[in-house]
Full PDB file with SEQRES, HELIX, SHEET, SSBOND, CRYST1, ORIGX, SCALE, CONECT and MASTER records, all heavy atoms in Angstrom:
SEQRES   1 A   43  ILE ARG THR THR LEU GLU HIS ILE ARG THR LYS LEU GLU          
SEQRES   2 A   43  ALA VAL GLU ASP THR VAL ALA THR LEU PRO PRO ALA LEU          
SEQRES   3 A   43  ARG GLU LEU ARG ALA GLY ILE GLU GLN ASN ARG CYS GLU          
SEQRES   4 A   43  ILE SER ALA LEU                                              
HELIX    1 AA1 ARG A    2  ALA A   42  1                                  41    
CRYST1    1.000    1.000    1.000  90.00  90.00  90.00 P 1           1          
ORIGX1      1.000000  0.000000  0.000000        0.00000                         
ORIGX2      0.000000  1.000000  0.000000        0.00000                         
ORIGX3      0.000000  0.000000  1.000000        0.00000                         
SCALE1      1.000000  0.000000  0.000000        0.00000                         
SCALE2      0.000000  1.000000  0.000000        0.00000                         
SCALE3      0.000000  0.000000  1.000000        0.00000                         
ATOM      1  N   ILE A   1     135.858  47.752  80.208  1.00  0.00           N  
ATOM      2  CA  ILE A   1     134.479  48.207  80.447  1.00  0.00           C  
ATOM      3  C   ILE A   1     134.194  48.259  81.938  1.00  0.00           C  
ATOM      4  O   ILE A   1     133.608  49.231  82.436  1.00  0.00           O  
ATOM      5  CB  ILE A   1     133.476  47.305  79.705  1.00  0.00           C  
ATOM      6  CG1 ILE A   1     133.601  47.519  78.196  1.00  0.00           C  
ATOM      7  CG2 ILE A   1     132.046  47.582  80.161  1.00  0.00           C  
ATOM      8  CD1 ILE A   1     132.813  46.530  77.367  1.00  0.00           C  
ATOM      9  N   ARG A   2     134.618  47.228  82.672  1.00  0.00           N  
ATOM     10  CA  ARG A   2     134.384  47.224  84.126  1.00  0.00           C  
ATOM     11  C   ARG A   2     135.121  48.386  84.801  1.00  0.00           C  
ATOM     12  O   ARG A   2     134.584  49.040  85.687  1.00  0.00           O  
ATOM     13  CB  ARG A   2     134.863  45.894  84.741  1.00  0.00           C  
ATOM     14  CG  ARG A   2     134.092  44.678  84.373  1.00  0.00           C  
ATOM     15  CD  ARG A   2     132.835  44.618  85.106  1.00  0.00           C  
ATOM     16  NE  ARG A   2     133.087  44.571  86.535  1.00  0.00           N  
ATOM     17  CZ  ARG A   2     132.282  44.041  87.405  1.00  0.00           C  
ATOM     18  NH1 ARG A   2     131.172  43.500  87.004  1.00  0.00           N  
ATOM     19  NH2 ARG A   2     132.551  44.067  88.684  1.00  0.00           N  
ATOM     20  N   THR A   3     136.334  48.657  84.354  1.00  0.00           N  
ATOM     21  CA  THR A   3     137.104  49.766  84.923  1.00  0.00           C  
ATOM     22  C   THR A   3     136.432  51.094  84.624  1.00  0.00           C  
ATOM     23  O   THR A   3     136.307  51.956  85.509  1.00  0.00           O  
ATOM     24  CB  THR A   3     138.535  49.759  84.350  1.00  0.00           C  
ATOM     25  OG1 THR A   3     139.128  48.493  84.607  1.00  0.00           O  
ATOM     26  CG2 THR A   3     139.368  50.857  84.976  1.00  0.00           C  
ATOM     27  N   THR A   4     135.957  51.255  83.400  1.00  0.00           N  
ATOM     28  CA  THR A   4     135.269  52.490  83.017  1.00  0.00           C  
ATOM     29  C   THR A   4     133.992  52.660  83.834  1.00  0.00           C  
ATOM     30  O   THR A   4     133.691  53.760  84.318  1.00  0.00           O  
ATOM     31  CB  THR A   4     134.944  52.463  81.513  1.00  0.00           C  
ATOM     32  OG1 THR A   4     136.144  52.305  80.784  1.00  0.00           O  
ATOM     33  CG2 THR A   4     134.252  53.746  81.088  1.00  0.00           C  
ATOM     34  N   LEU A   5     133.250  51.577  83.989  1.00  0.00           N  
ATOM     35  CA  LEU A   5     132.019  51.652  84.795  1.00  0.00           C  
ATOM     36  C   LEU A   5     132.319  52.000  86.249  1.00  0.00           C  
ATOM     37  O   LEU A   5     131.564  52.748  86.885  1.00  0.00           O  
ATOM     38  CB  LEU A   5     131.251  50.328  84.714  1.00  0.00           C  
ATOM     39  CG  LEU A   5     130.530  50.058  83.401  1.00  0.00           C  
ATOM     40  CD1 LEU A   5     129.927  48.654  83.412  1.00  0.00           C  
ATOM     41  CD2 LEU A   5     129.449  51.084  83.163  1.00  0.00           C  
ATOM     42  N   GLU A   6     133.409  51.475  86.764  1.00  0.00           N  
ATOM     43  CA  GLU A   6     133.779  51.799  88.145  1.00  0.00           C  
ATOM     44  C   GLU A   6     134.143  53.283  88.278  1.00  0.00           C  
ATOM     45  O   GLU A   6     133.773  53.933  89.250  1.00  0.00           O  
ATOM     46  CB  GLU A   6     134.943  50.911  88.591  1.00  0.00           C  
ATOM     47  CG  GLU A   6     135.224  51.000  90.068  1.00  0.00           C  
ATOM     48  CD  GLU A   6     134.041  50.588  90.938  1.00  0.00           C  
ATOM     49  OE1 GLU A   6     133.308  49.652  90.570  1.00  0.00           O  
ATOM     50  OE2 GLU A   6     133.846  51.233  91.990  1.00  0.00           O  
ATOM     51  N   HIS A   7     134.848  53.826  87.294  1.00  0.00           N  
ATOM     52  CA  HIS A   7     135.167  55.261  87.299  1.00  0.00           C  
ATOM     53  C   HIS A   7     133.883  56.093  87.227  1.00  0.00           C  
ATOM     54  O   HIS A   7     133.742  57.097  87.935  1.00  0.00           O  
ATOM     55  CB  HIS A   7     136.072  55.625  86.123  1.00  0.00           C  
ATOM     56  CG  HIS A   7     137.470  55.132  86.252  1.00  0.00           C  
ATOM     57  ND1 HIS A   7     138.292  55.457  87.302  1.00  0.00           N  
ATOM     58  CD2 HIS A   7     138.212  54.317  85.452  1.00  0.00           C  
ATOM     59  CE1 HIS A   7     139.461  54.880  87.154  1.00  0.00           C  
ATOM     60  NE2 HIS A   7     139.445  54.175  86.035  1.00  0.00           N  
ATOM     61  N   ILE A   8     132.970  55.671  86.394  1.00  0.00           N  
ATOM     62  CA  ILE A   8     131.692  56.386  86.274  1.00  0.00           C  
ATOM     63  C   ILE A   8     130.934  56.323  87.587  1.00  0.00           C  
ATOM     64  O   ILE A   8     130.374  57.328  88.041  1.00  0.00           O  
ATOM     65  CB  ILE A   8     130.858  55.813  85.115  1.00  0.00           C  
ATOM     66  CG1 ILE A   8     131.523  56.153  83.775  1.00  0.00           C  
ATOM     67  CG2 ILE A   8     129.434  56.344  85.150  1.00  0.00           C  
ATOM     68  CD1 ILE A   8     130.905  55.453  82.585  1.00  0.00           C  
ATOM     69  N   ARG A   9     130.923  55.157  88.232  1.00  0.00           N  
ATOM     70  CA  ARG A   9     130.238  55.014  89.519  1.00  0.00           C  
ATOM     71  C   ARG A   9     130.844  55.946  90.563  1.00  0.00           C  
ATOM     72  O   ARG A   9     130.123  56.592  91.335  1.00  0.00           O  
ATOM     73  CB  ARG A   9     130.338  53.564  89.995  1.00  0.00           C  
ATOM     74  CG  ARG A   9     129.030  52.876  90.033  1.00  0.00           C  
ATOM     75  CD  ARG A   9     129.136  51.482  90.645  1.00  0.00           C  
ATOM     76  NE  ARG A   9     128.688  50.545  89.624  1.00  0.00           N  
ATOM     77  CZ  ARG A   9     129.451  49.642  89.019  1.00  0.00           C  
ATOM     78  NH1 ARG A   9     130.706  49.511  89.352  1.00  0.00           N  
ATOM     79  NH2 ARG A   9     128.954  48.860  88.113  1.00  0.00           N  
ATOM     80  N   THR A  10     132.168  56.025  90.580  1.00  0.00           N  
ATOM     81  CA  THR A  10     132.852  56.891  91.532  1.00  0.00           C  
ATOM     82  C   THR A  10     132.491  58.357  91.285  1.00  0.00           C  
ATOM     83  O   THR A  10     132.214  59.108  92.226  1.00  0.00           O  
ATOM     84  CB  THR A  10     134.375  56.699  91.411  1.00  0.00           C  
ATOM     85  OG1 THR A  10     134.681  55.324  91.623  1.00  0.00           O  
ATOM     86  CG2 THR A  10     135.112  57.551  92.409  1.00  0.00           C  
ATOM     87  N   LYS A  11     132.476  58.757  90.020  1.00  0.00           N  
ATOM     88  CA  LYS A  11     132.115  60.141  89.696  1.00  0.00           C  
ATOM     89  C   LYS A  11     130.664  60.426  90.049  1.00  0.00           C  
ATOM     90  O   LYS A  11     130.336  61.519  90.529  1.00  0.00           O  
ATOM     91  CB  LYS A  11     132.386  60.420  88.224  1.00  0.00           C  
ATOM     92  CG  LYS A  11     133.857  60.476  87.905  1.00  0.00           C  
ATOM     93  CD  LYS A  11     134.121  60.731  86.444  1.00  0.00           C  
ATOM     94  CE  LYS A  11     135.617  60.747  86.179  1.00  0.00           C  
ATOM     95  NZ  LYS A  11     135.927  60.982  84.776  1.00  0.00           N  
ATOM     96  N   LEU A  12     129.774  59.466  89.805  1.00  0.00           N  
ATOM     97  CA  LEU A  12     128.364  59.659  90.157  1.00  0.00           C  
ATOM     98  C   LEU A  12     128.185  59.813  91.666  1.00  0.00           C  
ATOM     99  O   LEU A  12     127.371  60.615  92.115  1.00  0.00           O  
ATOM    100  CB  LEU A  12     127.522  58.489  89.646  1.00  0.00           C  
ATOM    101  CG  LEU A  12     127.166  58.525  88.172  1.00  0.00           C  
ATOM    102  CD1 LEU A  12     126.434  57.242  87.774  1.00  0.00           C  
ATOM    103  CD2 LEU A  12     126.316  59.723  87.844  1.00  0.00           C  
ATOM    104  N   GLU A  13     128.932  59.062  92.445  1.00  0.00           N  
ATOM    105  CA  GLU A  13     128.849  59.192  93.900  1.00  0.00           C  
ATOM    106  C   GLU A  13     129.304  60.582  94.338  1.00  0.00           C  
ATOM    107  O   GLU A  13     128.702  61.196  95.228  1.00  0.00           O  
ATOM    108  CB  GLU A  13     129.686  58.110  94.578  1.00  0.00           C  
ATOM    109  CG  GLU A  13     129.082  56.726  94.470  1.00  0.00           C  
ATOM    110  CD  GLU A  13     130.012  55.645  94.998  1.00  0.00           C  
ATOM    111  OE1 GLU A  13     131.147  55.962  95.419  1.00  0.00           O  
ATOM    112  OE2 GLU A  13     129.597  54.478  94.979  1.00  0.00           O  
ATOM    113  N   ALA A  14     130.349  61.088  93.697  1.00  0.00           N  
ATOM    114  CA  ALA A  14     130.826  62.434  94.026  1.00  0.00           C  
ATOM    115  C   ALA A  14     129.783  63.481  93.660  1.00  0.00           C  
ATOM    116  O   ALA A  14     129.534  64.428  94.416  1.00  0.00           O  
ATOM    117  CB  ALA A  14     132.144  62.711  93.304  1.00  0.00           C  
ATOM    118  N   VAL A  15     129.132  63.293  92.516  1.00  0.00           N  
ATOM    119  CA  VAL A  15     128.083  64.227  92.101  1.00  0.00           C  
ATOM    120  C   VAL A  15     126.899  64.144  93.058  1.00  0.00           C  
ATOM    121  O   VAL A  15     126.329  65.176  93.446  1.00  0.00           O  
ATOM    122  CB  VAL A  15     127.646  63.940  90.646  1.00  0.00           C  
ATOM    123  CG1 VAL A  15     126.381  64.689  90.296  1.00  0.00           C  
ATOM    124  CG2 VAL A  15     128.751  64.290  89.676  1.00  0.00           C  
ATOM    125  N   GLU A  16     126.522  62.948  93.462  1.00  0.00           N  
ATOM    126  CA  GLU A  16     125.416  62.785  94.413  1.00  0.00           C  
ATOM    127  C   GLU A  16     125.733  63.467  95.737  1.00  0.00           C  
ATOM    128  O   GLU A  16     124.865  64.109  96.340  1.00  0.00           O  
ATOM    129  CB  GLU A  16     125.125  61.305  94.633  1.00  0.00           C  
ATOM    130  CG  GLU A  16     124.429  60.639  93.471  1.00  0.00           C  
ATOM    131  CD  GLU A  16     124.266  59.131  93.664  1.00  0.00           C  
ATOM    132  OE1 GLU A  16     124.894  58.569  94.594  1.00  0.00           O  
ATOM    133  OE2 GLU A  16     123.532  58.537  92.873  1.00  0.00           O  
ATOM    134  N   ASP A  17     126.957  63.337  96.208  1.00  0.00           N  
ATOM    135  CA  ASP A  17     127.354  64.006  97.455  1.00  0.00           C  
ATOM    136  C   ASP A  17     127.270  65.517  97.313  1.00  0.00           C  
ATOM    137  O   ASP A  17     126.806  66.222  98.219  1.00  0.00           O  
ATOM    138  CB  ASP A  17     128.774  63.600  97.856  1.00  0.00           C  
ATOM    139  CG  ASP A  17     128.858  62.148  98.292  1.00  0.00           C  
ATOM    140  OD1 ASP A  17     127.812  61.559  98.607  1.00  0.00           O  
ATOM    141  OD2 ASP A  17     129.990  61.604  98.305  1.00  0.00           O  
ATOM    142  N   THR A  18     127.705  66.022  96.167  1.00  0.00           N  
ATOM    143  CA  THR A  18     127.663  67.468  95.924  1.00  0.00           C  
ATOM    144  C   THR A  18     126.224  67.961  95.876  1.00  0.00           C  
ATOM    145  O   THR A  18     125.878  68.985  96.468  1.00  0.00           O  
ATOM    146  CB  THR A  18     128.379  67.812  94.610  1.00  0.00           C  
ATOM    147  OG1 THR A  18     129.727  67.357  94.691  1.00  0.00           O  
ATOM    148  CG2 THR A  18     128.366  69.300  94.358  1.00  0.00           C  
ATOM    149  N   VAL A  19     125.374  67.224  95.174  1.00  0.00           N  
ATOM    150  CA  VAL A  19     123.964  67.618  95.048  1.00  0.00           C  
ATOM    151  C   VAL A  19     123.269  67.547  96.404  1.00  0.00           C  
ATOM    152  O   VAL A  19     122.410  68.375  96.710  1.00  0.00           O  
ATOM    153  CB  VAL A  19     123.252  66.733  93.999  1.00  0.00           C  
ATOM    154  CG1 VAL A  19     121.753  66.918  94.032  1.00  0.00           C  
ATOM    155  CG2 VAL A  19     123.785  67.030  92.607  1.00  0.00           C  
ATOM    156  N   ALA A  20     123.667  66.611  97.246  1.00  0.00           N  
ATOM    157  CA  ALA A  20     123.055  66.496  98.572  1.00  0.00           C  
ATOM    158  C   ALA A  20     123.371  67.703  99.442  1.00  0.00           C  
ATOM    159  O   ALA A  20     122.588  68.067 100.314  1.00  0.00           O  
ATOM    160  CB  ALA A  20     123.526  65.214  99.252  1.00  0.00           C  
ATOM    161  N   THR A  21     124.507  68.347  99.212  1.00  0.00           N  
ATOM    162  CA  THR A  21     124.877  69.503 100.035  1.00  0.00           C  
ATOM    163  C   THR A  21     124.284  70.805  99.500  1.00  0.00           C  
ATOM    164  O   THR A  21     124.374  71.826 100.178  1.00  0.00           O  
ATOM    165  CB  THR A  21     126.407  69.658 100.111  1.00  0.00           C  
ATOM    166  OG1 THR A  21     126.915  69.865  98.797  1.00  0.00           O  
ATOM    167  CG2 THR A  21     127.053  68.439 100.733  1.00  0.00           C  
ATOM    168  N   LEU A  22     123.679  70.786  98.330  1.00  0.00           N  
ATOM    169  CA  LEU A  22     123.155  72.023  97.748  1.00  0.00           C  
ATOM    170  C   LEU A  22     121.971  72.624  98.525  1.00  0.00           C  
ATOM    171  O   LEU A  22     121.972  73.827  98.765  1.00  0.00           O  
ATOM    172  CB  LEU A  22     122.773  71.804  96.284  1.00  0.00           C  
ATOM    173  CG  LEU A  22     123.942  71.683  95.318  1.00  0.00           C  
ATOM    174  CD1 LEU A  22     123.427  71.426  93.911  1.00  0.00           C  
ATOM    175  CD2 LEU A  22     124.811  72.902  95.347  1.00  0.00           C  
ATOM    176  N   PRO A  23     120.941  71.874  98.909  1.00  0.00           N  
ATOM    177  CA  PRO A  23     119.815  72.511  99.606  1.00  0.00           C  
ATOM    178  C   PRO A  23     120.200  73.231 100.898  1.00  0.00           C  
ATOM    179  O   PRO A  23     119.783  74.367 101.102  1.00  0.00           O  
ATOM    180  CB  PRO A  23     118.846  71.349  99.862  1.00  0.00           C  
ATOM    181  CG  PRO A  23     119.135  70.379  98.770  1.00  0.00           C  
ATOM    182  CD  PRO A  23     120.624  70.480  98.556  1.00  0.00           C  
ATOM    183  N   PRO A  24     121.010  72.629 101.783  1.00  0.00           N  
ATOM    184  CA  PRO A  24     121.402  73.402 102.975  1.00  0.00           C  
ATOM    185  C   PRO A  24     122.208  74.647 102.624  1.00  0.00           C  
ATOM    186  O   PRO A  24     122.022  75.700 103.234  1.00  0.00           O  
ATOM    187  CB  PRO A  24     122.255  72.413 103.789  1.00  0.00           C  
ATOM    188  CG  PRO A  24     121.891  71.070 103.294  1.00  0.00           C  
ATOM    189  CD  PRO A  24     121.488  71.239 101.872  1.00  0.00           C  
ATOM    190  N   ALA A  25     123.078  74.544 101.642  1.00  0.00           N  
ATOM    191  CA  ALA A  25     123.871  75.707 101.237  1.00  0.00           C  
ATOM    192  C   ALA A  25     122.970  76.782 100.654  1.00  0.00           C  
ATOM    193  O   ALA A  25     123.181  77.974 100.881  1.00  0.00           O  
ATOM    194  CB  ALA A  25     124.935  75.288 100.225  1.00  0.00           C  
ATOM    195  N   LEU A  26     121.957  76.388  99.917  1.00  0.00           N  
ATOM    196  CA  LEU A  26     121.017  77.350  99.347  1.00  0.00           C  
ATOM    197  C   LEU A  26     120.218  78.047 100.438  1.00  0.00           C  
ATOM    198  O   LEU A  26     120.008  79.263 100.380  1.00  0.00           O  
ATOM    199  CB  LEU A  26     120.079  76.642  98.367  1.00  0.00           C  
ATOM    200  CG  LEU A  26     119.082  77.512  97.628  1.00  0.00           C  
ATOM    201  CD1 LEU A  26     119.798  78.558  96.791  1.00  0.00           C  
ATOM    202  CD2 LEU A  26     118.184  76.662  96.747  1.00  0.00           C  
ATOM    203  N   ARG A  27     119.811  77.298 101.457  1.00  0.00           N  
ATOM    204  CA  ARG A  27     119.093  77.924 102.580  1.00  0.00           C  
ATOM    205  C   ARG A  27     119.981  78.935 103.296  1.00  0.00           C  
ATOM    206  O   ARG A  27     119.535  80.031 103.644  1.00  0.00           O  
ATOM    207  CB  ARG A  27     118.606  76.850 103.553  1.00  0.00           C  
ATOM    208  CG  ARG A  27     117.348  76.146 103.116  1.00  0.00           C  
ATOM    209  CD  ARG A  27     116.751  75.329 104.251  1.00  0.00           C  
ATOM    210  NE  ARG A  27     117.607  74.220 104.643  1.00  0.00           N  
ATOM    211  CZ  ARG A  27     117.593  73.015 104.094  1.00  0.00           C  
ATOM    212  NH1 ARG A  27     116.764  72.757 103.100  1.00  0.00           N  
ATOM    213  NH2 ARG A  27     118.393  72.060 104.522  1.00  0.00           N  
ATOM    214  N   GLU A  28     121.244  78.572 103.512  1.00  0.00           N  
ATOM    215  CA  GLU A  28     122.168  79.502 104.160  1.00  0.00           C  
ATOM    216  C   GLU A  28     122.393  80.743 103.305  1.00  0.00           C  
ATOM    217  O   GLU A  28     122.451  81.856 103.828  1.00  0.00           O  
ATOM    218  CB  GLU A  28     123.510  78.805 104.413  1.00  0.00           C  
ATOM    219  CG  GLU A  28     123.459  77.741 105.478  1.00  0.00           C  
ATOM    220  CD  GLU A  28     124.786  77.018 105.634  1.00  0.00           C  
ATOM    221  OE1 GLU A  28     125.813  77.534 105.151  1.00  0.00           O  
ATOM    222  OE2 GLU A  28     124.789  75.941 106.241  1.00  0.00           O  
ATOM    223  N   LEU A  29     122.486  80.553 102.001  1.00  0.00           N  
ATOM    224  CA  LEU A  29     122.679  81.683 101.096  1.00  0.00           C  
ATOM    225  C   LEU A  29     121.471  82.608 101.125  1.00  0.00           C  
ATOM    226  O   LEU A  29     121.611  83.828 101.188  1.00  0.00           O  
ATOM    227  CB  LEU A  29     122.929  81.176  99.677  1.00  0.00           C  
ATOM    228  CG  LEU A  29     123.188  82.231  98.615  1.00  0.00           C  
ATOM    229  CD1 LEU A  29     124.458  83.017  98.935  1.00  0.00           C  
ATOM    230  CD2 LEU A  29     123.300  81.580  97.246  1.00  0.00           C  
ATOM    231  N   ARG A  30     120.273  82.029 101.097  1.00  0.00           N  
ATOM    232  CA  ARG A  30     119.056  82.847 101.154  1.00  0.00           C  
ATOM    233  C   ARG A  30     118.960  83.610 102.465  1.00  0.00           C  
ATOM    234  O   ARG A  30     118.549  84.772 102.495  1.00  0.00           O  
ATOM    235  CB  ARG A  30     117.828  81.968 100.950  1.00  0.00           C  
ATOM    236  CG  ARG A  30     117.655  81.533  99.522  1.00  0.00           C  
ATOM    237  CD  ARG A  30     116.398  80.734  99.338  1.00  0.00           C  
ATOM    238  NE  ARG A  30     116.242  80.371  97.944  1.00  0.00           N  
ATOM    239  CZ  ARG A  30     115.439  79.432  97.505  1.00  0.00           C  
ATOM    240  NH1 ARG A  30     114.704  78.743  98.364  1.00  0.00           N  
ATOM    241  NH2 ARG A  30     115.347  79.154  96.231  1.00  0.00           N  
ATOM    242  N   ALA A  31     119.335  82.962 103.571  1.00  0.00           N  
ATOM    243  CA  ALA A  31     119.315  83.641 104.873  1.00  0.00           C  
ATOM    244  C   ALA A  31     120.316  84.796 104.881  1.00  0.00           C  
ATOM    245  O   ALA A  31     120.024  85.881 105.389  1.00  0.00           O  
ATOM    246  CB  ALA A  31     119.625  82.652 105.988  1.00  0.00           C  
ATOM    247  N   GLY A  32     121.484  84.568 104.302  1.00  0.00           N  
ATOM    248  CA  GLY A  32     122.486  85.630 104.224  1.00  0.00           C  
ATOM    249  C   GLY A  32     122.024  86.790 103.364  1.00  0.00           C  
ATOM    250  O   GLY A  32     122.256  87.954 103.702  1.00  0.00           O  
ATOM    251  N   ILE A  33     121.363  86.476 102.264  1.00  0.00           N  
ATOM    252  CA  ILE A  33     120.839  87.530 101.389  1.00  0.00           C  
ATOM    253  C   ILE A  33     119.779  88.346 102.118  1.00  0.00           C  
ATOM    254  O   ILE A  33     119.768  89.579 102.048  1.00  0.00           O  
ATOM    255  CB  ILE A  33     120.271  86.914 100.088  1.00  0.00           C  
ATOM    256  CG1 ILE A  33     121.409  86.409  99.216  1.00  0.00           C  
ATOM    257  CG2 ILE A  33     119.431  87.926  99.322  1.00  0.00           C  
ATOM    258  CD1 ILE A  33     120.946  85.585  98.027  1.00  0.00           C  
ATOM    259  N   GLU A  34     118.891  87.671 102.830  1.00  0.00           N  
ATOM    260  CA  GLU A  34     117.845  88.385 103.571  1.00  0.00           C  
ATOM    261  C   GLU A  34     118.458  89.265 104.665  1.00  0.00           C  
ATOM    262  O   GLU A  34     118.008  90.389 104.883  1.00  0.00           O  
ATOM    263  CB  GLU A  34     116.857  87.387 104.175  1.00  0.00           C  
ATOM    264  CG  GLU A  34     115.638  88.023 104.761  1.00  0.00           C  
ATOM    265  CD  GLU A  34     114.822  88.816 103.743  1.00  0.00           C  
ATOM    266  OE1 GLU A  34     114.777  88.419 102.556  1.00  0.00           O  
ATOM    267  OE2 GLU A  34     114.239  89.836 104.134  1.00  0.00           O  
ATOM    268  N   GLN A  35     119.491  88.748 105.331  1.00  0.00           N  
ATOM    269  CA  GLN A  35     120.186  89.531 106.359  1.00  0.00           C  
ATOM    270  C   GLN A  35     120.805  90.782 105.737  1.00  0.00           C  
ATOM    271  O   GLN A  35     120.689  91.880 106.288  1.00  0.00           O  
ATOM    272  CB  GLN A  35     121.267  88.681 107.022  1.00  0.00           C  
ATOM    273  CG  GLN A  35     122.084  89.403 108.060  1.00  0.00           C  
ATOM    274  CD  GLN A  35     121.315  89.659 109.322  1.00  0.00           C  
ATOM    275  OE1 GLN A  35     120.397  88.927 109.650  1.00  0.00           O  
ATOM    276  NE2 GLN A  35     121.671  90.699 110.033  1.00  0.00           N  
ATOM    277  N   ASN A  36     121.439  90.625 104.586  1.00  0.00           N  
ATOM    278  CA  ASN A  36     122.046  91.775 103.907  1.00  0.00           C  
ATOM    279  C   ASN A  36     120.995  92.795 103.488  1.00  0.00           C  
ATOM    280  O   ASN A  36     121.219  93.998 103.596  1.00  0.00           O  
ATOM    281  CB  ASN A  36     122.843  91.319 102.686  1.00  0.00           C  
ATOM    282  CG  ASN A  36     124.135  90.636 103.054  1.00  0.00           C  
ATOM    283  OD1 ASN A  36     124.587  90.729 104.191  1.00  0.00           O  
ATOM    284  ND2 ASN A  36     124.732  89.940 102.116  1.00  0.00           N  
ATOM    285  N   ARG A  37     119.849  92.320 103.008  1.00  0.00           N  
ATOM    286  CA  ARG A  37     118.775  93.240 102.620  1.00  0.00           C  
ATOM    287  C   ARG A  37     118.286  94.044 103.820  1.00  0.00           C  
ATOM    288  O   ARG A  37     118.030  95.247 103.704  1.00  0.00           O  
ATOM    289  CB  ARG A  37     117.621  92.464 101.995  1.00  0.00           C  
ATOM    290  CG  ARG A  37     117.901  91.998 100.598  1.00  0.00           C  
ATOM    291  CD  ARG A  37     116.721  91.260 100.011  1.00  0.00           C  
ATOM    292  NE  ARG A  37     117.011  90.822  98.657  1.00  0.00           N  
ATOM    293  CZ  ARG A  37     116.334  89.924  98.008  1.00  0.00           C  
ATOM    294  NH1 ARG A  37     115.290  89.340  98.575  1.00  0.00           N  
ATOM    295  NH2 ARG A  37     116.666  89.583  96.789  1.00  0.00           N  
ATOM    296  N   CYS A  38     118.148  93.374 104.957  1.00  0.00           N  
ATOM    297  CA  CYS A  38     117.707  94.077 106.171  1.00  0.00           C  
ATOM    298  C   CYS A  38     118.741  95.126 106.594  1.00  0.00           C  
ATOM    299  O   CYS A  38     118.383  96.243 106.974  1.00  0.00           O  
ATOM    300  CB  CYS A  38     117.474  93.086 107.304  1.00  0.00           C  
ATOM    301  SG  CYS A  38     116.034  92.024 107.075  1.00  0.00           S  
ATOM    302  N   GLU A  39     120.012  94.754 106.521  1.00  0.00           N  
ATOM    303  CA  GLU A  39     121.062  95.695 106.913  1.00  0.00           C  
ATOM    304  C   GLU A  39     121.132  96.877 105.954  1.00  0.00           C  
ATOM    305  O   GLU A  39     121.323  98.014 106.387  1.00  0.00           O  
ATOM    306  CB  GLU A  39     122.407  94.974 106.975  1.00  0.00           C  
ATOM    307  CG  GLU A  39     122.509  94.001 108.135  1.00  0.00           C  
ATOM    308  CD  GLU A  39     123.788  93.198 108.136  1.00  0.00           C  
ATOM    309  OE1 GLU A  39     124.644  93.418 107.252  1.00  0.00           O  
ATOM    310  OE2 GLU A  39     123.941  92.349 109.024  1.00  0.00           O  
ATOM    311  N   ILE A  40     120.957  96.637 104.673  1.00  0.00           N  
ATOM    312  CA  ILE A  40     120.955  97.728 103.699  1.00  0.00           C  
ATOM    313  C   ILE A  40     119.766  98.643 103.929  1.00  0.00           C  
ATOM    314  O   ILE A  40     119.886  99.871 103.869  1.00  0.00           O  
ATOM    315  CB  ILE A  40     120.962  97.167 102.260  1.00  0.00           C  
ATOM    316  CG1 ILE A  40     122.321  96.557 101.951  1.00  0.00           C  
ATOM    317  CG2 ILE A  40     120.626  98.240 101.239  1.00  0.00           C  
ATOM    318  CD1 ILE A  40     122.360  95.765 100.650  1.00  0.00           C  
ATOM    319  N   SER A  41     118.613  98.063 104.219  1.00  0.00           N  
ATOM    320  CA  SER A  41     117.425  98.867 104.492  1.00  0.00           C  
ATOM    321  C   SER A  41     117.630  99.738 105.732  1.00  0.00           C  
ATOM    322  O   SER A  41     117.273 100.921 105.738  1.00  0.00           O  
ATOM    323  CB  SER A  41     116.224  97.949 104.674  1.00  0.00           C  
ATOM    324  OG  SER A  41     115.080  98.673 105.003  1.00  0.00           O  
ATOM    325  N   ALA A  42     118.215  99.159 106.772  1.00  0.00           N  
ATOM    326  CA  ALA A  42     118.484  99.931 107.992  1.00  0.00           C  
ATOM    327  C   ALA A  42     119.489 101.041 107.717  1.00  0.00           C  
ATOM    328  O   ALA A  42     119.342 102.160 108.216  1.00  0.00           O  
ATOM    329  CB  ALA A  42     119.007  98.997 109.088  1.00  0.00           C  
ATOM    330  N   LEU A  43     120.484 100.747 106.915  1.00  0.00           N  
ATOM    331  CA  LEU A  43     121.478 101.766 106.576  1.00  0.00           C  
ATOM    332  C   LEU A  43     120.854 102.907 105.779  1.00  0.00           C  
ATOM    333  O   LEU A  43     121.147 104.081 106.042  1.00  0.00           O  
ATOM    334  CB  LEU A  43     122.617 101.123 105.779  1.00  0.00           C  
ATOM    335  CG  LEU A  43     123.794 101.999 105.440  1.00  0.00           C  
ATOM    336  CD1 LEU A  43     124.494 102.479 106.704  1.00  0.00           C  
ATOM    337  CD2 LEU A  43     124.763 101.247 104.553  1.00  0.00           C  
TER     338      LEU A  43                                                      
MASTER        0    0    0    1    0    0    0    6  337    1    0    4          
END                                                                             
């Protein structure tokens, strides 16, 4: 049980790290989308 809980804790930490990186990545994606829209409009 302790080993299983430790594995779960490790996986949760990895998920937390991944979720923490999502908002900055989403902002960058939105900025890229807006840039592409502007370039398409200019074209």
